[in-house]
Amino acid sequence: MMRIACFIVVLLLSCGENQQPAQQKQPATVAPVTKPVVVLQPLQRFDTSTLPALADSIAAFYPVTVQIAPLKTLPEHIYYKPRNRYRADRIIHWLRLNMADSLRVVVGLTSLDISSSRKGNYDYGIMGLGYNPGHACVVSSFRPAKTARNKSHLQQRVFKLVVHELGHNFGLPHCPDPACIMRDAEGKMTLDEESGLCEACKKKLKI
C-alpha cells in the first residue's frame, strides 16, 4: 500500500510539471478612429503666420484633423477685372478640381476681395462662400480687416468665418439664432456677436 501511495504522489507531481500555463487572453485591438481631414489652403497675400493658431482653433471646434498646405497663387480666370475682385464660386470650383479625394474639405484663404452673385447682383462683395453640402469653401479677410481693432481681433473674425463656411460644407443651413456661428450676416458685420454653434445646429452636423 505504501508503494502504491508513493507512486500516485509521484504521478501527480509529474503531471503538474508537464502542464502548460493557461494562455492569457490578449486584449482586443481597437482600430483608431480616423478624423476627416480639412486642409487650409492659403492663397496669395494671405498672412500664413496666422495659420497654425487657426488650425488649432478649428480642430478644437469641429472633430476634424486640420492640415496646412503651401501658399498658392490664384489663376487669372478667377479675377473679375471690372470690380477688381475674385469670383468666389470660381475659387471653390478650382479648389475642388485640385483636391485629393481623401480630403473632406479644402478651405481657400485670401486677403483679396471676393464676390458672388446674390439677390440679382452679379458681383456682390462677400466675406466667404461655402456650399451646403460641399467639399470646398473660401474665406476672405478683406472686409473683416477694415474694422478690426488689431491683428488678434482680425484672427478671431477669420476663424468665425472659416467655421461658418465649414458648417455649410458639413450640411448646416443659416440659423436664426443671432449668437450662432451659422447666422446669416445679410451683408452686415455680425461676427463679433456670434459665440459658437447653437444646440440645434450641433445636432444637424454631418461631418
Protein backbone atom coordinates (compact mmCIF):
# COMPACT_ATOMS: atom_id res chain seq x y z
CA MET A 1 0.00 0.00 0.00
CA MET A 2 2.87 2.32 0.83
CA ARG A 3 4.39 1.74 -2.61
CA ILE A 4 1.08 2.49 -4.34
CA ALA A 5 0.64 5.74 -2.40
CA CYS A 6 4.16 6.88 -3.32
CA PHE A 7 3.54 6.01 -6.97
CA ILE A 8 0.37 8.11 -7.03
CA VAL A 9 2.18 11.10 -5.45
CA VAL A 10 4.99 10.90 -8.00
CA LEU A 11 2.47 10.62 -10.84
CA LEU A 12 0.58 13.71 -9.70
CA LEU A 13 3.77 15.74 -9.37
CA SER A 14 4.87 14.64 -12.81
CA CYS A 15 1.54 15.69 -14.37
CA GLY A 16 1.75 19.08 -12.66
CA GLU A 17 5.20 19.74 -14.12
CA ASN A 18 4.08 18.96 -17.68
CA GLN A 19 1.01 21.21 -17.61
CA GLN A 20 1.26 24.28 -19.85
CA PRO A 21 0.34 27.60 -18.25
CA ALA A 22 -3.07 28.85 -19.33
CA GLN A 23 -2.80 31.28 -22.24
CA GLN A 24 -3.66 34.82 -21.29
CA LYS A 25 -6.33 36.48 -23.35
CA GLN A 26 -4.94 39.25 -25.49
CA PRO A 27 -6.93 42.48 -25.30
CA ALA A 28 -8.99 43.12 -28.42
CA THR A 29 -7.34 45.66 -30.69
CA VAL A 30 -9.49 48.66 -31.48
CA ALA A 31 -8.92 50.39 -34.79
CA PRO A 32 -8.07 54.06 -34.29
CA VAL A 33 -10.85 56.45 -35.24
CA THR A 34 -9.71 58.48 -38.22
CA LYS A 35 -10.97 62.03 -38.23
CA PRO A 36 -11.94 63.71 -41.52
CA VAL A 37 -9.15 65.89 -42.90
CA VAL A 38 -9.63 69.61 -43.53
CA VAL A 39 -6.88 71.43 -45.44
CA LEU A 40 -6.23 75.15 -45.10
CA GLN A 41 -5.11 76.44 -48.49
CA PRO A 42 -3.57 79.93 -48.20
CA LEU A 43 -3.85 81.99 -51.38
CA GLN A 44 -1.79 84.98 -52.47
CA ARG A 45 -1.24 87.75 -49.90
CA PHE A 46 -2.75 85.80 -47.02
CA ASP A 47 -0.81 86.05 -43.76
CA THR A 48 0.46 82.47 -43.36
CA SER A 49 1.89 83.19 -39.88
CA THR A 50 -1.68 83.00 -38.52
CA LEU A 51 -2.36 79.50 -39.88
CA PRO A 52 -1.04 77.30 -37.03
CA ALA A 53 -3.28 79.03 -34.47
CA LEU A 54 -6.22 78.93 -36.89
CA ALA A 55 -5.70 75.20 -37.49
CA ASP A 56 -5.67 74.50 -33.74
CA SER A 57 -8.86 76.53 -33.20
CA ILE A 58 -10.71 74.69 -35.98
CA ALA A 59 -9.63 71.29 -34.64
CA ALA A 60 -10.96 72.30 -31.22
CA PHE A 61 -14.27 73.45 -32.73
CA TYR A 62 -15.01 70.52 -35.10
CA PRO A 63 -13.93 66.84 -34.77
CA VAL A 64 -11.51 67.04 -37.69
CA THR A 65 -7.79 66.88 -38.43
CA VAL A 66 -6.50 70.14 -39.89
CA GLN A 67 -3.54 70.35 -42.26
CA ILE A 68 -1.86 73.41 -43.78
CA ALA A 69 -0.97 73.50 -47.49
CA PRO A 70 1.74 75.64 -49.13
CA LEU A 71 0.78 79.08 -50.45
CA LYS A 72 -0.76 79.15 -53.93
CA THR A 73 -1.49 81.89 -56.47
CA LEU A 74 -4.99 82.24 -57.89
CA PRO A 75 -5.31 81.60 -61.63
CA GLU A 76 -6.16 84.53 -63.90
CA HIS A 77 -9.61 83.28 -64.94
CA ILE A 78 -10.88 83.79 -61.38
CA TYR A 79 -10.19 87.54 -61.47
CA TYR A 80 -13.15 89.87 -62.23
CA LYS A 81 -11.45 92.93 -63.64
CA PRO A 82 -14.43 95.38 -63.77
CA ARG A 83 -14.60 95.39 -59.93
CA ASN A 84 -11.05 94.32 -59.07
CA ARG A 85 -12.42 91.27 -57.29
CA TYR A 86 -12.08 87.50 -57.41
CA ARG A 87 -15.09 85.28 -58.05
CA ALA A 88 -15.72 83.07 -55.01
CA ASP A 89 -17.63 80.41 -56.95
CA ARG A 90 -14.73 80.02 -59.38
CA ILE A 91 -12.26 79.75 -56.50
CA ILE A 92 -14.32 76.93 -54.97
CA HIS A 93 -14.51 75.13 -58.33
CA TRP A 94 -10.74 75.48 -58.81
CA LEU A 95 -10.02 74.24 -55.27
CA ARG A 96 -12.30 71.24 -55.78
CA LEU A 97 -10.61 70.27 -59.05
CA ASN A 98 -7.20 70.26 -57.38
CA MET A 99 -8.32 68.50 -54.21
CA ALA A 100 -7.28 64.97 -53.22
CA ASP A 101 -10.18 62.52 -52.86
CA SER A 102 -9.04 61.59 -49.35
CA LEU A 103 -9.77 65.08 -48.02
CA ARG A 104 -13.10 66.13 -46.51
CA VAL A 105 -12.83 69.88 -47.18
CA VAL A 106 -10.30 72.34 -48.54
CA VAL A 107 -10.59 75.92 -47.28
CA GLY A 108 -9.25 78.70 -49.50
CA LEU A 109 -7.96 81.68 -47.51
CA THR A 110 -7.23 85.05 -49.08
CA SER A 111 -6.91 88.72 -48.16
CA LEU A 112 -8.18 89.74 -51.60
CA ASP A 113 -11.73 90.99 -52.16
CA ILE A 114 -14.11 88.24 -53.31
CA SER A 115 -17.62 88.30 -54.72
CA SER A 116 -20.54 86.15 -55.77
CA SER A 117 -23.90 86.55 -57.49
CA ARG A 118 -26.61 87.33 -54.95
CA LYS A 119 -30.02 88.99 -54.82
CA GLY A 120 -29.94 89.77 -58.54
CA ASN A 121 -26.47 91.33 -58.26
CA TYR A 122 -23.82 89.54 -60.35
CA ASP A 123 -20.89 90.95 -58.38
CA TYR A 124 -21.91 91.12 -54.72
CA GLY A 125 -18.97 91.56 -52.31
CA ILE A 126 -18.81 88.83 -49.67
CA MET A 127 -16.59 87.61 -46.82
CA GLY A 128 -16.92 83.91 -47.56
CA LEU A 129 -18.73 81.23 -49.54
CA GLY A 130 -19.39 77.56 -48.90
CA TYR A 131 -21.93 75.21 -50.46
CA ASN A 132 -24.31 73.04 -48.42
CA PRO A 133 -23.17 70.29 -48.50
CA GLY A 134 -19.77 70.63 -50.11
CA HIS A 135 -16.07 69.82 -50.13
CA ALA A 136 -14.55 73.27 -50.59
CA CYS A 137 -15.12 76.82 -49.39
CA VAL A 138 -13.36 80.18 -49.46
CA VAL A 139 -12.90 82.94 -46.89
CA SER A 140 -11.56 86.47 -47.39
CA SER A 141 -10.11 88.69 -44.67
CA PHE A 142 -10.52 91.77 -46.91
CA ARG A 143 -13.78 93.09 -45.40
CA PRO A 144 -13.30 91.99 -41.76
CA ALA A 145 -9.90 93.73 -41.76
CA LYS A 146 -11.45 97.12 -42.47
CA THR A 147 -12.95 97.49 -38.99
CA ALA A 148 -10.79 95.06 -36.98
CA ARG A 149 -9.22 96.67 -33.91
CA ASN A 150 -5.95 94.76 -34.25
CA LYS A 151 -4.39 91.58 -35.65
CA SER A 152 -5.81 89.40 -32.88
CA HIS A 153 -9.33 90.74 -33.48
CA LEU A 154 -8.99 90.03 -37.20
CA GLN A 155 -7.83 86.48 -36.48
CA GLN A 156 -10.94 85.89 -34.36
CA ARG A 157 -13.14 87.12 -37.18
CA VAL A 158 -11.41 84.95 -39.78
CA PHE A 159 -11.80 81.92 -37.52
CA LYS A 160 -15.53 82.52 -37.22
CA LEU A 161 -15.82 82.93 -40.99
CA VAL A 162 -13.98 79.67 -41.58
CA VAL A 163 -16.10 77.61 -39.17
CA HIS A 164 -19.22 79.22 -40.67
CA GLU A 165 -18.33 78.16 -44.22
CA LEU A 166 -17.18 74.74 -42.99
CA GLY A 167 -20.56 74.47 -41.29
CA HIS A 168 -22.23 74.82 -44.70
CA ASN A 169 -19.93 72.13 -46.12
CA PHE A 170 -20.94 69.93 -43.17
CA GLY A 171 -24.63 70.32 -44.01
CA LEU A 172 -25.68 73.31 -41.91
CA PRO A 173 -28.03 75.98 -43.29
CA HIS A 174 -28.16 79.54 -41.98
CA CYS A 175 -29.52 79.81 -38.44
CA PRO A 176 -31.98 82.35 -36.96
CA ASP A 177 -30.14 82.38 -33.61
CA PRO A 178 -28.25 85.73 -33.51
CA ALA A 179 -25.46 84.24 -31.36
CA CYS A 180 -24.92 81.18 -33.57
CA ILE A 181 -21.90 80.95 -35.89
CA MET A 182 -24.30 79.92 -38.68
CA ARG A 183 -26.18 83.21 -38.57
CA ASP A 184 -26.73 84.88 -41.94
CA ALA A 185 -24.82 88.18 -41.88
CA GLU A 186 -27.00 89.59 -44.69
CA GLY A 187 -24.23 91.94 -45.74
CA LYS A 188 -23.56 93.23 -42.22
CA MET A 189 -20.64 92.75 -39.83
CA THR A 190 -22.15 90.43 -37.21
CA LEU A 191 -19.08 88.29 -36.45
CA ASP A 192 -18.41 89.93 -33.08
CA GLU A 193 -21.90 88.99 -31.88
CA GLU A 194 -21.50 85.27 -32.63
CA SER A 195 -20.17 82.89 -29.98
CA GLY A 196 -20.46 79.31 -31.27
CA LEU A 197 -22.86 76.72 -32.65
CA CYS A 198 -26.31 76.60 -31.10
CA GLU A 199 -27.65 73.23 -29.91
CA ALA A 200 -29.95 72.88 -32.92
CA CYS A 201 -27.05 73.27 -35.36
CA LYS A 202 -24.83 70.84 -33.42
CA LYS A 203 -27.47 68.12 -33.98
CA LYS A 204 -27.53 68.77 -37.74
CA LEU A 205 -23.78 68.44 -38.35
CA LYS A 206 -22.82 65.83 -40.96
CA ILE A 207 -19.04 65.77 -40.84
